[in-house]
Amino acid sequence: MSAPVTRDTGPAARPGSRRRGNVLSQAILHATLEELAEVGYAAMTMESVAQRAQASKASLYRRWPNRTELVVDAMECVRPYHLGAPDTGNVRDDLLVLLRRMIWVHDSPAGEATHGLMVEVLRHPELMAAVRQRFISPAIELVLEVLRAGAARGEVRRSALTERIASVGPALLRDHFLIHGAPVPDSVPVDIVDDVVLPIISPRRPAEQGRRAG
């Protein structure tokens, strides 16, 4: 069972002090992010994290049964999904808010660790499954929530309320980050929303408009 965490991942103990509970958990999670950024998931071990956190291996294993659970808990500390779906009143602005939250993670101090993790998921099926469950699926569900609200306002066609369409924006953003790294310019989410997402969720798709006009 993973240990409960707060969103503050900074180190929080004086040298020589005996850390317990959430203070120790936060120190371990912070050390995990540093270790990921420095050596990557493949080379990271529970032992190396324990050494960096100045904690015992036993204290890690009491909280996390393996490094996959440890890594996804560490990454969740910097994820903005807890904020819920935005409600600006129009689907374009809501989508931009969501993508900009994701960019904030990529551009944050944990961004290098995030980049490394995104590369490693292709090589480690157990990590891919955990990342899909903890990060990718929640992100898609938030986009779906935004699209459902847009459909209720008449901005989105009902047939666009699918996981595949909801995954387009986040997937394009991940692709840009993997290829170009951080920082991600604001023109990227704007282009993704305006040039890709809005046309495919429009109540009248361009192809349909062309057929009707002809």
Protein backbone atom coordinates (compact mmCIF):
# COMPACT_ATOMS: atom_id res chain seq x y z
CA MET A 1 0.00 0.00 0.00
CA SER A 2 1.49 3.37 -0.98
CA ALA A 3 2.14 5.93 1.71
CA PRO A 4 -0.07 9.05 1.73
CA VAL A 5 1.76 12.11 0.48
CA THR A 6 1.35 15.86 0.41
CA ARG A 7 2.24 18.04 -2.53
CA ASP A 8 5.37 19.50 -0.95
CA THR A 9 8.28 17.39 -2.17
CA GLY A 10 11.08 19.41 -0.61
CA PRO A 11 13.49 17.97 1.94
CA ALA A 12 12.25 18.60 5.43
CA ALA A 13 14.63 17.45 8.13
CA ARG A 14 17.59 18.91 9.98
CA PRO A 15 20.82 16.89 9.78
CA GLY A 16 20.85 14.32 12.52
CA SER A 17 17.14 14.58 13.31
CA ARG A 18 15.03 11.44 13.42
CA ARG A 19 12.36 11.71 10.76
CA ARG A 20 9.07 9.89 10.94
CA GLY A 21 5.74 9.68 9.17
CA ASN A 22 5.02 12.16 6.42
CA VAL A 23 8.27 14.08 6.93
CA LEU A 24 10.28 10.97 6.11
CA SER A 25 7.97 10.04 3.23
CA GLN A 26 8.44 13.48 1.68
CA ALA A 27 12.22 13.23 1.97
CA ILE A 28 12.13 9.86 0.20
CA LEU A 29 9.84 11.11 -2.57
CA HIS A 30 12.05 14.15 -3.13
CA ALA A 31 15.11 11.89 -3.30
CA THR A 32 13.27 9.68 -5.80
CA LEU A 33 12.65 12.61 -8.15
CA GLU A 34 16.31 13.62 -7.90
CA GLU A 35 17.46 10.07 -8.57
CA LEU A 36 15.14 9.74 -11.58
CA ALA A 37 16.43 12.99 -13.05
CA GLU A 38 20.05 11.97 -12.52
CA VAL A 39 20.20 8.28 -13.46
CA GLY A 40 16.78 7.36 -14.91
CA TYR A 41 14.35 4.63 -13.98
CA ALA A 42 16.44 1.73 -15.29
CA ALA A 43 19.42 2.54 -13.08
CA MET A 44 17.44 3.71 -10.06
CA THR A 45 17.23 1.29 -7.15
CA MET A 46 15.51 1.36 -3.79
CA GLU A 47 18.98 1.30 -2.26
CA SER A 48 20.16 4.35 -4.18
CA VAL A 49 17.05 6.30 -3.17
CA ALA A 50 17.50 5.31 0.46
CA GLN A 51 21.09 6.51 0.37
CA ARG A 52 20.15 9.83 -1.23
CA ALA A 53 17.32 10.35 1.27
CA GLN A 54 19.60 9.33 4.16
CA ALA A 55 17.00 6.76 5.12
CA SER A 56 17.09 3.01 5.69
CA LYS A 57 16.00 0.58 2.99
CA ALA A 58 13.51 -0.83 5.48
CA SER A 59 11.79 2.57 5.74
CA LEU A 60 11.27 2.54 1.96
CA TYR A 61 9.96 -1.01 1.80
CA ARG A 62 7.53 -0.37 4.65
CA ARG A 63 5.91 2.32 2.50
CA TRP A 64 6.42 1.03 -1.05
CA PRO A 65 6.72 -2.63 -2.06
CA ASN A 66 8.82 -1.87 -5.15
CA ARG A 67 10.39 0.95 -7.12
CA THR A 68 7.46 1.23 -9.55
CA GLU A 69 5.07 2.16 -6.73
CA LEU A 70 7.67 4.52 -5.30
CA VAL A 71 8.20 6.28 -8.63
CA VAL A 72 4.53 6.80 -9.45
CA ASP A 73 3.90 8.19 -5.95
CA ALA A 74 6.82 10.59 -6.39
CA MET A 75 5.56 11.75 -9.77
CA GLU A 76 2.02 12.16 -8.47
CA CYS A 77 3.27 14.78 -6.02
CA VAL A 78 3.84 17.17 -8.92
CA ARG A 79 0.77 16.30 -10.97
CA PRO A 80 -2.02 18.91 -11.16
CA TYR A 81 -4.93 16.47 -11.58
CA HIS A 82 -6.16 17.15 -8.06
CA LEU A 83 -7.38 20.54 -9.31
CA GLY A 84 -10.22 18.90 -11.24
CA ALA A 85 -11.68 19.98 -14.56
CA PRO A 86 -11.70 23.73 -15.25
CA ASP A 87 -14.97 25.54 -15.91
CA THR A 88 -14.26 28.79 -17.75
CA GLY A 89 -17.53 28.70 -19.67
CA ASN A 90 -16.15 27.66 -23.06
CA VAL A 91 -14.45 24.51 -24.25
CA ARG A 92 -11.44 26.20 -25.88
CA ASP A 93 -10.32 27.93 -22.70
CA ASP A 94 -10.99 24.81 -20.61
CA LEU A 95 -8.77 22.72 -22.90
CA LEU A 96 -6.03 25.34 -22.76
CA VAL A 97 -6.14 25.36 -18.96
CA LEU A 98 -5.69 21.58 -18.89
CA LEU A 99 -2.80 21.53 -21.34
CA ARG A 100 -1.08 24.43 -19.56
CA ARG A 101 -1.29 22.52 -16.28
CA MET A 102 0.49 19.61 -17.96
CA ILE A 103 3.11 21.97 -19.33
CA TRP A 104 3.68 23.33 -15.85
CA VAL A 105 4.74 19.83 -14.76
CA HIS A 106 7.11 19.47 -17.71
CA ASP A 107 8.64 22.88 -17.07
CA SER A 108 8.87 22.42 -13.29
CA PRO A 109 12.00 21.21 -11.44
CA ALA A 110 10.56 17.69 -11.77
CA GLY A 111 10.41 18.04 -15.56
CA GLU A 112 13.69 16.24 -16.19
CA ALA A 113 12.49 13.30 -14.12
CA THR A 114 9.20 13.35 -16.02
CA HIS A 115 11.02 13.26 -19.33
CA GLY A 116 13.14 10.32 -18.24
CA LEU A 117 10.11 8.45 -16.98
CA MET A 118 8.25 8.94 -20.28
CA VAL A 119 11.19 7.35 -22.11
CA GLU A 120 11.50 4.45 -19.70
CA VAL A 121 7.83 3.40 -19.86
CA LEU A 122 8.46 1.97 -23.32
CA ARG A 123 10.96 -0.51 -21.87
CA HIS A 124 9.20 -1.53 -18.68
CA PRO A 125 5.66 -2.93 -19.01
CA GLU A 126 4.97 -2.75 -15.27
CA LEU A 127 5.87 0.95 -15.28
CA MET A 128 3.72 1.59 -18.35
CA ALA A 129 0.73 -0.02 -16.63
CA ALA A 130 1.21 2.12 -13.51
CA VAL A 131 1.70 5.33 -15.50
CA ARG A 132 -1.38 4.61 -17.59
CA GLN A 133 -3.51 4.02 -14.50
CA ARG A 134 -2.22 6.89 -12.37
CA PHE A 135 -1.53 9.62 -14.93
CA ILE A 136 -2.69 9.01 -18.50
CA SER A 137 -6.21 7.77 -17.71
CA PRO A 138 -6.96 10.57 -15.20
CA ALA A 139 -5.78 13.17 -17.74
CA ILE A 140 -8.05 11.71 -20.42
CA GLU A 141 -10.97 11.65 -18.00
CA LEU A 142 -10.47 15.37 -17.25
CA VAL A 143 -10.52 16.16 -20.97
CA LEU A 144 -13.67 14.07 -21.33
CA GLU A 145 -15.28 16.02 -18.51
CA VAL A 146 -14.46 19.26 -20.34
CA LEU A 147 -15.84 17.86 -23.60
CA ARG A 148 -19.06 16.71 -21.92
CA ALA A 149 -19.58 20.21 -20.54
CA GLY A 150 -18.90 21.60 -24.01
CA ALA A 151 -21.40 19.21 -25.53
CA ALA A 152 -24.03 20.38 -23.04
CA ARG A 153 -23.41 23.95 -24.27
CA GLY A 154 -23.58 22.90 -27.93
CA GLU A 155 -19.85 23.46 -28.58
CA VAL A 156 -18.95 19.78 -28.99
CA ARG A 157 -20.71 17.08 -30.99
CA ARG A 158 -21.84 14.11 -28.93
CA SER A 159 -19.98 11.60 -31.10
CA ALA A 160 -16.71 13.28 -30.05
CA LEU A 161 -17.13 12.17 -26.44
CA THR A 162 -14.69 9.27 -26.72
CA GLU A 163 -11.46 8.39 -24.97
CA ARG A 164 -9.59 8.34 -28.28
CA ILE A 165 -10.54 11.92 -29.12
CA ALA A 166 -9.97 13.06 -25.53
CA SER A 167 -6.46 11.61 -25.66
CA VAL A 168 -5.38 13.62 -28.72
CA GLY A 169 -4.38 16.85 -26.94
CA PRO A 170 -2.39 15.23 -24.10
CA ALA A 171 -0.74 12.81 -26.54
CA LEU A 172 0.42 15.60 -28.86
CA LEU A 173 1.75 17.53 -25.87
CA ARG A 174 3.70 14.48 -24.63
CA ASP A 175 5.07 13.98 -28.13
CA HIS A 176 6.31 17.58 -28.28
CA PHE A 177 7.92 17.27 -24.86
CA LEU A 178 9.68 14.02 -25.75
CA ILE A 179 11.10 15.45 -28.96
CA HIS A 180 11.85 19.04 -27.95
CA GLY A 181 12.06 18.94 -24.16
CA ALA A 182 11.35 21.89 -21.89
CA PRO A 183 10.48 24.71 -21.77
CA VAL A 184 7.32 24.27 -23.82
CA PRO A 185 6.24 27.57 -25.46
CA ASP A 186 2.63 28.62 -25.04
CA SER A 187 2.15 28.50 -28.80
CA VAL A 188 2.21 24.70 -28.54
CA PRO A 189 -1.02 24.21 -26.53
CA VAL A 190 -2.69 26.99 -28.51
CA ASP A 191 -1.83 25.27 -31.81
CA ILE A 192 -2.90 21.87 -30.49
CA VAL A 193 -6.27 23.18 -29.36
CA ASP A 194 -7.00 25.51 -32.29
CA ASP A 195 -5.58 23.48 -35.18
CA VAL A 196 -6.28 19.92 -34.05
CA VAL A 197 -8.70 19.45 -31.17
CA LEU A 198 -11.36 22.05 -31.93
CA PRO A 199 -11.80 20.97 -35.58
CA ILE A 200 -12.34 17.32 -34.62
CA ILE A 201 -14.82 18.06 -31.82
CA SER A 202 -16.79 20.72 -33.70
CA PRO A 203 -20.54 20.07 -33.98
CA ARG A 204 -20.01 20.30 -37.74
CA ARG A 205 -16.70 18.85 -38.91
CA PRO A 206 -15.01 20.55 -41.93
CA ALA A 207 -15.71 17.56 -44.20
CA GLU A 208 -19.39 17.66 -43.35
CA GLN A 209 -19.49 21.42 -43.91
CA GLY A 210 -17.86 20.95 -47.33
CA ARG A 211 -20.37 18.29 -48.36
CA ARG A 212 -23.30 20.43 -47.33
CA ALA A 213 -21.90 23.49 -49.06
CA GLY A 214 -21.46 21.47 -52.29
